Amino acid sequence: MIGNRIAQARKKINISQAELAERLFISPQAVGKWERGESVPDIITVSRLAEIFGVDLNYFAGNTPTFDGEAASDWRPASIETHETNDSRSHELMNFSGNNLPGSDFAGVIAHKRKFNGSALRGANFSGADLTGSTFIGSDIGEANFDGTNLTDCIFSANNLAGANFNRAILTRAQFRSSALNDAKFTNTELIDTVLTKTDLKKTVFQNCIFNGAVFKYADLTGVCFDKQTFLGVKFQSTELAEATFNGTTLKNVSFRPTYALTNRFYRTLKAIRFDGATMDKLTYAALKGVGVDLLNVTTI
């Protein structure tokens, strides 16, 4: 929908894709991709487009008339609460990409496979919502509330999630990629087959969580506290774990792979991780013991 509206507004003011691209300091190919629906502009670019076209941001959300005079569908978050629809046009209008929606109330809505890409959603309330299969790419979702939210198969990529809350969220097969999660809180949550890739987690809070089949890839977990939590079949792949703590945790079939070659630095990093009072299976114990980790106060099962 955003692509169609960009094309329509561009033609209305009689400029080419190349001329629009020049005003935005981007390539004409990028404009072409927007208009073909292959990608969406970020929220800053959407704001600039609104200035160029002389429209407000609601024009891109679909709750203002089109330039042809055809009334667009009445857009409001509450419209997705009741049921899913198989109508392709209705589904298209449920695309929330490129929207300016800080502080919006999406609590309890059912919104499967929706797109929240390039949108301003800071402080939005998604508590208790079912967002199964939805995508959040290049959006500001800082301080958003995902308490009790079903985020099964959701993708979060290149977002600002600083200060977001994920208390009792359902995170089955959720993916977090290259996103800011400083001061974000994952509490009383089971992360089942969740993948966190190329993400800075140094200031992320994890409390009373179960990590079941979760994978940390190229993530920075320096100094993170995982005390008294449960790890089942978890993989730490090329992950920085200096000074992380696993005191009182339960670890079964957990693997640790270095961010660098098997050097003295790697061994020093592992030795600095604390496992006081932890309980682990014999294979995990042997793998850590074999590289010199202090497991004096660890119980094997």
Protein backbone atom coordinates (compact mmCIF):
# COMPACT_ATOMS: atom_id res chain seq x y z
CA MET A 1 0.00 0.00 0.00
CA ILE A 2 2.79 2.45 0.85
CA GLY A 3 4.40 1.83 -2.52
CA ASN A 4 1.17 2.55 -4.36
CA ARG A 5 0.68 5.76 -2.41
CA ILE A 6 4.23 6.93 -3.10
CA ALA A 7 3.76 6.29 -6.83
CA GLN A 8 0.42 8.06 -6.87
CA ALA A 9 1.69 11.13 -5.01
CA ARG A 10 4.83 11.30 -7.14
CA LYS A 11 2.78 11.31 -10.35
CA LYS A 12 0.40 13.89 -8.90
CA ILE A 13 3.24 16.41 -8.52
CA ASN A 14 4.66 15.29 -11.87
CA ILE A 15 8.16 14.18 -10.94
CA SER A 16 10.05 11.06 -12.02
CA GLN A 17 11.48 8.36 -9.81
CA ALA A 18 14.93 9.78 -10.52
CA GLU A 19 13.87 13.30 -9.47
CA LEU A 20 12.31 11.99 -6.26
CA ALA A 21 15.43 9.98 -5.52
CA GLU A 22 17.57 13.08 -6.03
CA ARG A 23 15.54 15.01 -3.47
CA LEU A 24 15.95 12.17 -0.96
CA PHE A 25 19.65 11.62 -1.73
CA ILE A 26 19.04 7.96 -2.59
CA SER A 27 19.17 5.88 -5.76
CA PRO A 28 16.27 5.72 -8.25
CA GLN A 29 16.38 1.94 -7.81
CA ALA A 30 15.36 2.37 -4.17
CA VAL A 31 12.29 4.37 -5.18
CA GLY A 32 11.42 1.71 -7.73
CA LYS A 33 11.60 -0.99 -5.06
CA TRP A 34 9.23 0.97 -2.82
CA GLU A 35 6.69 1.42 -5.58
CA ARG A 36 6.87 -2.27 -6.51
CA GLY A 37 6.37 -3.27 -2.88
CA GLU A 38 9.80 -4.92 -2.63
CA SER A 39 10.89 -2.77 0.31
CA VAL A 40 9.64 0.10 2.47
CA PRO A 41 11.26 3.42 3.46
CA ASP A 42 12.18 4.01 7.09
CA ILE A 43 10.15 6.40 9.21
CA ILE A 44 12.56 9.31 8.69
CA THR A 45 12.28 8.94 4.91
CA VAL A 46 8.49 8.65 5.15
CA SER A 47 8.44 11.98 6.99
CA ARG A 48 10.54 13.53 4.22
CA LEU A 49 8.21 12.07 1.58
CA ALA A 50 5.25 13.66 3.35
CA GLU A 51 6.98 17.04 3.12
CA ILE A 52 7.77 16.62 -0.58
CA PHE A 53 4.24 15.49 -1.46
CA GLY A 54 2.50 18.01 0.82
CA VAL A 55 0.59 15.37 2.77
CA ASP A 56 0.58 14.25 6.39
CA LEU A 57 1.78 10.87 7.61
CA ASN A 58 -1.78 9.52 7.74
CA TYR A 59 -1.76 9.50 3.95
CA PHE A 60 0.70 6.59 4.00
CA ALA A 61 -1.29 4.77 6.69
CA GLY A 62 -4.37 4.70 4.49
CA ASN A 63 -6.88 6.78 6.47
CA THR A 64 -7.03 9.73 4.06
CA PRO A 65 -8.56 9.80 0.56
CA THR A 66 -6.31 8.92 -2.36
CA PHE A 67 -5.42 11.48 -5.01
CA ASP A 68 -7.95 9.88 -7.32
CA GLY A 69 -10.69 10.72 -4.85
CA GLU A 70 -11.23 7.06 -3.96
CA ALA A 71 -11.81 6.76 -0.25
CA ALA A 72 -9.26 4.66 1.53
CA SER A 73 -10.27 2.14 4.17
CA ASP A 74 -10.87 3.56 7.65
CA TRP A 75 -7.65 2.71 9.48
CA ARG A 76 -7.58 2.01 13.19
CA PRO A 77 -5.72 -0.56 15.29
CA ALA A 78 -8.92 -1.86 16.89
CA SER A 79 -10.11 -3.20 13.54
CA ILE A 80 -7.76 -6.16 13.79
CA GLU A 81 -9.04 -7.40 17.13
CA THR A 82 -11.90 -9.57 16.06
CA HIS A 83 -10.76 -12.04 13.42
CA GLU A 84 -8.41 -12.75 10.57
CA THR A 85 -9.60 -12.21 7.03
CA ASN A 86 -8.75 -14.00 3.83
CA ASP A 87 -9.52 -10.97 1.71
CA SER A 88 -6.25 -9.85 0.11
CA ARG A 89 -7.22 -6.16 -0.02
CA SER A 90 -8.11 -6.13 3.69
CA HIS A 91 -4.87 -7.88 4.50
CA GLU A 92 -2.91 -5.27 2.55
CA LEU A 93 -4.57 -2.47 4.49
CA MET A 94 -3.46 -4.12 7.72
CA ASN A 95 0.17 -3.44 6.83
CA PHE A 96 1.44 -0.98 9.42
CA SER A 97 4.77 -0.26 7.77
CA GLY A 98 5.93 3.35 7.62
CA ASN A 99 3.42 4.45 10.24
CA ASN A 100 3.85 7.09 12.93
CA LEU A 101 2.22 5.34 15.91
CA PRO A 102 4.11 6.11 19.13
CA GLY A 103 2.18 5.12 22.24
CA SER A 104 -0.51 3.29 20.25
CA ASP A 105 -2.79 0.78 21.97
CA PHE A 106 -2.63 -2.68 20.34
CA ALA A 107 -3.36 -4.54 23.58
CA GLY A 108 -5.16 -7.85 23.00
CA VAL A 109 -5.37 -7.57 19.22
CA ILE A 110 -5.06 -10.53 16.85
CA ALA A 111 -2.67 -9.57 14.09
CA HIS A 112 -1.04 -12.53 12.36
CA LYS A 113 1.69 -12.00 9.77
CA ARG A 114 1.50 -8.21 9.88
CA LYS A 115 4.34 -5.90 8.91
CA PHE A 116 5.49 -3.17 11.27
CA ASN A 117 8.48 -2.06 9.21
CA GLY A 118 10.05 1.39 9.29
CA SER A 119 7.52 2.57 11.84
CA ALA A 120 7.59 4.78 14.93
CA LEU A 121 6.14 2.59 17.69
CA ARG A 122 7.93 3.87 20.78
CA GLY A 123 5.93 3.11 23.91
CA ALA A 124 3.27 1.14 22.02
CA ASN A 125 1.24 -1.33 24.07
CA PHE A 126 1.13 -4.84 22.54
CA SER A 127 0.36 -6.60 25.83
CA GLY A 128 -1.69 -9.78 25.43
CA ALA A 129 -1.72 -9.43 21.63
CA ASP A 130 -1.28 -12.34 19.22
CA LEU A 131 1.28 -11.18 16.65
CA THR A 132 2.22 -14.62 15.32
CA GLY A 133 4.42 -14.44 12.21
CA SER A 134 4.67 -10.63 12.19
CA THR A 135 7.79 -8.67 11.24
CA PHE A 136 9.36 -5.60 12.80
CA ILE A 137 12.21 -4.27 10.65
CA GLY A 138 13.95 -0.92 11.04
CA SER A 139 11.42 0.39 13.55
CA ASP A 140 11.63 2.34 16.79
CA ILE A 141 9.91 0.09 19.34
CA GLY A 142 11.74 1.42 22.37
CA GLU A 143 9.89 1.07 25.70
CA ALA A 144 7.14 -0.96 24.03
CA ASN A 145 5.09 -3.34 26.17
CA PHE A 146 5.08 -6.97 24.97
CA ASP A 147 3.90 -8.45 28.27
CA GLY A 148 2.04 -11.70 27.59
CA THR A 149 2.32 -11.15 23.84
CA ASN A 150 2.39 -14.13 21.47
CA LEU A 151 5.49 -13.49 19.35
CA THR A 152 5.73 -16.95 17.80
CA ASP A 153 7.70 -16.88 14.52
CA CYS A 154 8.09 -13.09 14.74
CA ILE A 155 11.16 -11.40 13.27
CA PHE A 156 12.78 -8.35 14.86
CA SER A 157 15.59 -6.96 12.69
CA ALA A 158 17.54 -3.71 12.99
CA ASN A 159 15.09 -2.25 15.51
CA ASN A 160 15.45 -0.04 18.54
CA LEU A 161 14.02 -2.17 21.36
CA ALA A 162 15.72 -0.32 24.20
CA GLY A 163 13.65 -0.49 27.37
CA ALA A 164 11.04 -2.85 25.91
CA ASN A 165 9.35 -5.32 28.27
CA PHE A 166 8.82 -9.00 27.46
CA ASN A 167 7.29 -10.34 30.68
CA ARG A 168 5.68 -13.77 30.09
CA ALA A 169 5.91 -13.23 26.34
CA ILE A 170 5.65 -16.26 24.04
CA LEU A 171 8.91 -16.32 22.09
CA THR A 172 8.76 -19.61 20.20
CA ARG A 173 11.06 -19.43 17.15
CA ALA A 174 11.27 -15.65 17.46
CA GLN A 175 14.33 -14.01 15.88
CA PHE A 176 16.17 -10.93 17.06
CA ARG A 177 18.77 -9.61 14.61
CA SER A 178 21.09 -6.60 14.92
CA SER A 179 18.71 -4.83 17.29
CA ALA A 180 19.31 -2.55 20.26
CA LEU A 181 18.11 -4.31 23.42
CA ASN A 182 19.79 -2.22 26.09
CA ASP A 183 17.64 -2.13 29.23
CA ALA A 184 15.09 -4.44 27.60
CA LYS A 185 13.65 -6.95 30.10
CA PHE A 186 12.89 -10.62 29.48
CA THR A 187 11.22 -11.91 32.65
CA ASN A 188 9.29 -15.11 33.48
CA THR A 189 9.63 -16.06 29.82
CA GLU A 190 10.47 -19.28 27.95
CA LEU A 191 12.57 -18.68 24.84
CA ILE A 192 11.92 -21.78 22.72
CA ASP A 193 14.20 -22.06 19.66
CA THR A 194 14.63 -18.30 19.85
CA VAL A 195 17.63 -16.95 17.89
CA LEU A 196 19.51 -13.78 18.89
CA THR A 197 22.01 -12.79 16.20
CA LYS A 198 24.56 -9.95 16.07
CA THR A 199 22.91 -8.27 19.02
CA ASP A 200 24.40 -6.27 21.86
CA LEU A 201 22.94 -7.78 25.04
CA LYS A 202 25.36 -6.33 27.59
CA LYS A 203 22.62 -4.28 29.26
CA THR A 204 19.70 -6.63 28.60
CA VAL A 205 17.96 -8.05 31.67
CA PHE A 206 17.07 -11.75 31.84
CA GLN A 207 15.26 -12.92 34.97
CA ASN A 208 13.53 -16.22 35.74
CA CYS A 209 13.72 -17.37 32.11
CA ILE A 210 13.91 -20.80 30.50
CA PHE A 211 16.11 -20.99 27.38
CA ASN A 212 14.98 -24.08 25.49
CA GLY A 213 16.87 -24.63 22.23
CA ALA A 214 17.79 -20.94 22.08
CA VAL A 215 20.78 -19.84 20.01
CA PHE A 216 23.04 -16.84 20.65
CA LYS A 217 25.09 -16.03 17.53
CA TYR A 218 27.73 -13.29 17.33
CA ALA A 219 26.06 -11.69 20.36
CA ASP A 220 27.77 -9.65 23.07
CA LEU A 221 26.81 -11.02 26.50
CA THR A 222 29.64 -9.38 28.42
CA GLY A 223 28.76 -9.27 32.11
CA VAL A 224 25.18 -10.51 31.63
CA CYS A 225 23.58 -12.15 34.68
CA PHE A 226 21.89 -15.50 33.92
CA ASP A 227 21.76 -16.59 37.56
CA LYS A 228 19.14 -19.15 38.66
CA GLN A 229 17.77 -19.69 35.16
CA THR A 230 17.45 -22.82 32.99
CA PHE A 231 19.35 -23.64 29.77
CA LEU A 232 18.28 -26.67 27.72
CA GLY A 233 20.02 -27.43 24.42
CA VAL A 234 21.29 -23.85 24.15
CA LYS A 235 24.11 -22.85 21.79
CA PHE A 236 26.44 -19.93 22.37
CA GLN A 237 28.04 -19.53 18.94
CA SER A 238 30.85 -17.01 18.45
CA THR A 239 29.51 -15.16 21.46
CA GLU A 240 31.32 -12.85 23.88
CA LEU A 241 30.68 -14.10 27.43
CA ALA A 242 33.40 -12.35 29.43
CA GLU A 243 32.40 -12.00 33.09
CA ALA A 244 28.90 -13.42 32.49
CA THR A 245 27.43 -15.28 35.47
CA PHE A 246 25.51 -18.57 35.55
CA ASN A 247 25.36 -18.96 39.33
CA GLY A 248 22.68 -21.40 40.48
CA THR A 249 21.62 -22.18 36.90
CA THR A 250 20.62 -25.51 35.37
CA LEU A 251 22.47 -26.37 32.15
CA LYS A 252 21.77 -29.43 30.01
CA ASN A 253 23.35 -30.03 26.60
CA VAL A 254 24.74 -26.49 26.41
CA SER A 255 27.61 -25.67 24.05
CA PHE A 256 30.03 -22.74 24.14
CA ARG A 257 31.93 -21.74 20.99
CA PRO A 258 34.50 -18.94 21.02
CA THR A 259 34.35 -15.62 19.26
CA TYR A 260 37.92 -16.25 18.22
CA ALA A 261 40.34 -19.15 17.83
CA LEU A 262 41.26 -21.45 20.69
CA THR A 263 43.77 -19.03 22.13
CA ASN A 264 44.77 -18.12 25.67
CA ARG A 265 42.30 -15.26 25.47
CA PHE A 266 39.46 -17.71 24.85
CA TYR A 267 40.47 -19.84 27.83
CA ARG A 268 40.78 -16.77 30.05
CA THR A 269 37.31 -15.63 29.00
CA LEU A 270 35.71 -18.96 29.86
CA LYS A 271 37.55 -19.14 33.16
CA ALA A 272 36.12 -15.73 34.11
CA ILE A 273 32.53 -17.00 33.77
CA ARG A 274 31.02 -17.90 37.12
CA PHE A 275 29.06 -21.15 37.56
CA ASP A 276 28.89 -21.24 41.37
CA GLY A 277 26.08 -23.49 42.58
CA ALA A 278 25.08 -24.50 39.03
CA THR A 279 23.71 -27.90 38.08
CA MET A 280 24.69 -29.40 34.73
CA ASP A 281 24.70 -32.64 32.80
CA LYS A 282 27.93 -34.59 32.50
CA LEU A 283 28.62 -33.62 28.87
CA THR A 284 28.32 -29.89 29.52
CA TYR A 285 30.43 -30.32 32.65
CA ALA A 286 33.15 -32.19 30.75
CA ALA A 287 33.25 -29.63 27.93
CA LEU A 288 33.77 -26.75 30.36
CA LYS A 289 36.10 -28.65 32.65
CA GLY A 290 38.25 -29.60 29.67
CA VAL A 291 39.09 -25.96 28.95
CA GLY A 292 39.92 -25.17 32.55
CA VAL A 293 36.68 -23.57 33.82
CA ASP A 294 36.39 -23.55 37.60
CA LEU A 295 33.54 -25.95 38.39
CA LEU A 296 34.40 -26.63 42.02
CA ASN A 297 30.93 -25.74 43.29
CA VAL A 298 28.97 -27.36 40.43
CA THR A 299 26.69 -30.37 40.76
CA THR A 300 26.45 -32.91 37.92
CA ILE A 301 23.30 -34.83 37.00
